[in-house]
C-alpha atoms as a PDB file:
ATOM      1  CA  MET A   1       1.435  -4.250  15.215  1.00  0.00           C
ATOM      2  CA  LEU A   2       1.359  -0.520  14.628  1.00  0.00           C
ATOM      3  CA  LYS A   3      -2.055   0.840  13.670  1.00  0.00           C
ATOM      4  CA  HIS A   4      -1.880   3.760  11.255  1.00  0.00           C
ATOM      5  CA  ARG A   5      -4.475   6.088  12.761  1.00  0.00           C
ATOM      6  CA  GLY A   6      -6.314   8.195  10.211  1.00  0.00           C
ATOM      7  CA  PHE A   7      -5.444   5.893   7.305  1.00  0.00           C
ATOM      8  CA  PRO A   8      -8.639   4.880   5.427  1.00  0.00           C
ATOM      9  CA  GLY A   9      -9.790   1.334   6.121  1.00  0.00           C
ATOM     10  CA  ARG A  10     -10.997   0.636   2.602  1.00  0.00           C
ATOM     11  CA  PHE A  11     -11.601   2.057  -0.848  1.00  0.00           C
ATOM     12  CA  PRO A  12     -14.984   3.852  -0.689  1.00  0.00           C
ATOM     13  CA  GLY A  13     -17.856   2.029  -2.374  1.00  0.00           C
ATOM     14  CA  THR A  14     -15.996  -1.287  -2.586  1.00  0.00           C
ATOM     15  CA  ASP A  15     -14.774  -4.135  -0.406  1.00  0.00           C
ATOM     16  CA  PHE A  16     -11.111  -3.400  -1.208  1.00  0.00           C
ATOM     17  CA  GLN A  17      -9.310  -3.223   2.149  1.00  0.00           C
ATOM     18  CA  PHE A  18      -6.517  -0.762   2.878  1.00  0.00           C
ATOM     19  CA  THR A  19      -5.975  -1.772   6.518  1.00  0.00           C
ATOM     20  CA  ILE A  20      -6.595  -4.757   8.755  1.00  0.00           C
ATOM     21  CA  ARG A  21      -8.148  -4.617  12.213  1.00  0.00           C
ATOM     22  CA  ARG A  22      -5.897  -6.987  14.101  1.00  0.00           C
ATOM     23  CA  ALA A  23      -2.763  -9.062  13.713  1.00  0.00           C
ATOM     24  CA  ASN A  24      -3.183 -12.509  12.200  1.00  0.00           C
ATOM     25  CA  PRO A  25      -2.833 -15.030  15.052  1.00  0.00           C
ATOM     26  CA  ARG A  26      -1.556 -17.715  12.620  1.00  0.00           C
ATOM     27  CA  GLY A  27       1.304 -15.548  11.380  1.00  0.00           C
ATOM     28  CA  VAL A  28       1.964 -12.504   9.263  1.00  0.00           C
ATOM     29  CA  THR A  29       0.876 -12.627   5.635  1.00  0.00           C
ATOM     30  CA  LYS A  30       3.968 -12.474   3.442  1.00  0.00           C
ATOM     31  CA  LEU A  31       4.337  -9.586   1.004  1.00  0.00           C
ATOM     32  CA  VAL A  32       4.902 -10.767  -2.568  1.00  0.00           C
ATOM     33  CA  ALA A  33       5.113  -8.747  -5.762  1.00  0.00           C
ATOM     34  CA  ARG A  34       1.900  -9.476  -7.667  1.00  0.00           C
ATOM     35  CA  GLU A  35       1.804  -9.166 -11.426  1.00  0.00           C
ATOM     36  CA  ARG A  36      -0.520  -6.408 -12.660  1.00  0.00           C
ATOM     37  CA  PHE A  37      -1.956  -7.276 -16.043  1.00  0.00           C
ATOM     38  CA  ALA A  38      -3.324  -4.720 -18.505  1.00  0.00           C
ATOM     39  CA  ASP A  39      -6.806  -6.271 -18.406  1.00  0.00           C
ATOM     40  CA  ARG A  40      -7.392  -5.544 -14.680  1.00  0.00           C
ATOM     41  CA  LYS A  41     -10.762  -4.019 -13.905  1.00  0.00           C
ATOM     42  CA  LYS A  42     -11.043  -0.240 -13.568  1.00  0.00           C
ATOM     43  CA  LYS A  43     -12.079  -0.524  -9.894  1.00  0.00           C
ATOM     44  CA  ASP A  44      -8.900  -2.515  -9.178  1.00  0.00           C
ATOM     45  CA  ARG A  45      -6.748   0.138 -10.851  1.00  0.00           C
ATOM     46  CA  ASP A  46      -8.672   2.899  -9.045  1.00  0.00           C
ATOM     47  CA  ALA A  47      -8.115   1.145  -5.700  1.00  0.00           C
ATOM     48  CA  ASP A  48      -4.369   1.007  -6.406  1.00  0.00           C
ATOM     49  CA  ALA A  49      -4.313   4.730  -7.271  1.00  0.00           C
ATOM     50  CA  ALA A  50      -6.308   5.624  -4.158  1.00  0.00           C
ATOM     51  CA  PHE A  51      -4.014   3.495  -1.970  1.00  0.00           C
ATOM     52  CA  VAL A  52      -0.928   5.208  -3.433  1.00  0.00           C
ATOM     53  CA  ALA A  53      -2.578   8.597  -2.793  1.00  0.00           C
ATOM     54  CA  CYS A  54      -3.216   7.619   0.843  1.00  0.00           C
ATOM     55  CA  LEU A  55       0.371   6.417   1.264  1.00  0.00           C
ATOM     56  CA  TRP A  56       1.630   9.717  -0.163  1.00  0.00           C
ATOM     57  CA  GLN A  57      -0.693  11.821   2.029  1.00  0.00           C
ATOM     58  CA  HIS A  58       0.225   9.952   5.213  1.00  0.00           C
ATOM     59  CA  PHE A  59       3.920   9.216   4.727  1.00  0.00           C
ATOM     60  CA  GLY A  60       5.238  11.196   1.759  1.00  0.00           C
ATOM     61  CA  ASP A  61       8.676   9.952   0.764  1.00  0.00           C
ATOM     62  CA  ALA A  62       9.592   8.943   4.341  1.00  0.00           C
ATOM     63  CA  PRO A  63       9.959   5.274   5.332  1.00  0.00           C
ATOM     64  CA  PHE A  64       6.895   3.777   7.015  1.00  0.00           C
ATOM     65  CA  GLU A  65       6.190   0.668   9.038  1.00  0.00           C
ATOM     66  CA  ARG A  66       3.972  -1.978   7.456  1.00  0.00           C
ATOM     67  CA  GLY A  67       1.830  -2.164  10.592  1.00  0.00           C
ATOM     68  CA  ASN A  68      -1.836  -2.723   9.842  1.00  0.00           C
ATOM     69  CA  LEU A  69      -1.635  -1.957   6.117  1.00  0.00           C
ATOM     70  CA  ASP A  70      -3.307  -4.741   4.128  1.00  0.00           C
ATOM     71  CA  ALA A  71      -0.825  -7.250   2.693  1.00  0.00           C
ATOM     72  CA  GLY A  72      -2.976  -7.924  -0.364  1.00  0.00           C
ATOM     73  CA  ARG A  73      -3.191  -4.244  -1.317  1.00  0.00           C
ATOM     74  CA  LEU A  74       0.529  -3.707  -0.605  1.00  0.00           C
ATOM     75  CA  SER A  75       1.424  -6.740  -2.718  1.00  0.00           C
ATOM     76  CA  TRP A  76      -0.116  -5.137  -5.836  1.00  0.00           C
ATOM     77  CA  LEU A  77       2.458  -2.333  -5.429  1.00  0.00           C
ATOM     78  CA  PHE A  78       5.332  -4.162  -3.727  1.00  0.00           C
ATOM     79  CA  GLY A  79       8.608  -4.241  -5.609  1.00  0.00           C
ATOM     80  CA  ARG A  80       7.550  -1.362  -7.850  1.00  0.00           C
ATOM     81  CA  GLU A  81       5.855   1.667  -6.262  1.00  0.00           C
ATOM     82  CA  VAL A  82       6.416   0.393  -2.708  1.00  0.00           C
ATOM     83  CA  VAL A  83       9.968  -0.771  -2.008  1.00  0.00           C
ATOM     84  CA  PRO A  84      11.845  -2.008   1.071  1.00  0.00           C
ATOM     85  CA  ALA A  85      13.428   0.755   3.141  1.00  0.00           C
ATOM     86  CA  GLU A  86      15.747  -1.541   5.080  1.00  0.00           C
ATOM     87  CA  ASP A  87      18.233  -4.265   4.379  1.00  0.00           C
ATOM     88  CA  PRO A  88      17.626  -7.039   5.222  1.00  0.00           C
ATOM     89  CA  PHE A  89      13.884  -6.740   4.621  1.00  0.00           C
ATOM     90  CA  ASP A  90      11.494  -9.209   6.256  1.00  0.00           C
ATOM     91  CA  PRO A  91       8.339  -9.575   4.108  1.00  0.00           C
ATOM     92  CA  GLU A  92       6.664 -11.435   6.992  1.00  0.00           C
ATOM     93  CA  SER A  93       6.959  -8.735   9.663  1.00  0.00           C
ATOM     94  CA  TYR A  94       4.511  -6.065  10.759  1.00  0.00           C
ATOM     95  CA  ASP A  95       7.585  -4.007  11.752  1.00  0.00           C
ATOM     96  CA  ALA A  96       9.114  -4.048   8.245  1.00  0.00           C
ATOM     97  CA  LEU A  97       9.994  -0.608   6.887  1.00  0.00           C
ATOM     98  CA  MET A  98       8.968   0.364   3.368  1.00  0.00           C
ATOM     99  CA  LYS A  99       8.836   3.538   1.350  1.00  0.00           C
ATOM    100  CA  LEU A 100       7.043   4.891  -1.664  1.00  0.00           C
ATOM    101  CA  ASP A 101       9.157   5.175  -4.810  1.00  0.00           C
ATOM    102  CA  GLU A 102       7.834   8.631  -5.649  1.00  0.00           C
ATOM    103  CA  ASN A 103       9.169   8.816  -9.201  1.00  0.00           C
ATOM    104  CA  LEU A 104       7.705   5.479 -10.271  1.00  0.00           C
ATOM    105  CA  ALA A 105       4.450   6.079  -8.371  1.00  0.00           C
ATOM    106  CA  ARG A 106       4.003   9.473 -10.073  1.00  0.00           C
ATOM    107  CA  ALA A 107       4.636   7.893 -13.477  1.00  0.00           C
ATOM    108  CA  THR A 108       2.270   4.976 -12.861  1.00  0.00           C
ATOM    109  CA  PHE A 109      -0.486   6.783 -10.925  1.00  0.00           C
ATOM    110  CA  PRO A 110      -0.304  10.501 -11.840  1.00  0.00           C
ATOM    111  CA  ASP A 111      -3.822  11.175 -10.560  1.00  0.00           C
ATOM    112  CA  ALA A 112      -2.795   9.942  -7.091  1.00  0.00           C
ATOM    113  CA  PHE A 113      -0.712  13.098  -6.680  1.00  0.00           C
ATOM    114  CA  ASP A 114      -3.047  15.721  -8.121  1.00  0.00           C
ATOM    115  CA  GLY A 115      -5.640  15.682  -5.326  1.00  0.00           C
ATOM    116  CA  THR A 116      -8.126  13.467  -7.206  1.00  0.00           C
ATOM    117  CA  TRP A 117      -7.984  10.839  -4.460  1.00  0.00           C
ATOM    118  CA  VAL A 118      -8.396  12.481  -1.068  1.00  0.00           C
ATOM    119  CA  ALA A 119      -8.465  10.370   2.084  1.00  0.00           C
END
């Protein structure tokens, strides 16, 4: 499992994880597209925006390996702002390649690109 050095481990002031420390010995957590409802808490929405900002700062529009990025946090964005960068895509692999859909991410999280969220 690739560890993304320099990528923040969590959203400051919360317990929202951005990365994991080690591979899951029971198997890789599958990425699934989670539904984001309008009544989500502000901290949840802020964590998504901060995570998108970190993805943009570290990878830009280039494909990146899932590695030690948290499956739960990725799943809130998967299928929308974060899309597969390979075909076939294995949602249960630490080696899976993904990329940020810049246009959709900018439309959904405009403050993630203006320097508000700095890792």
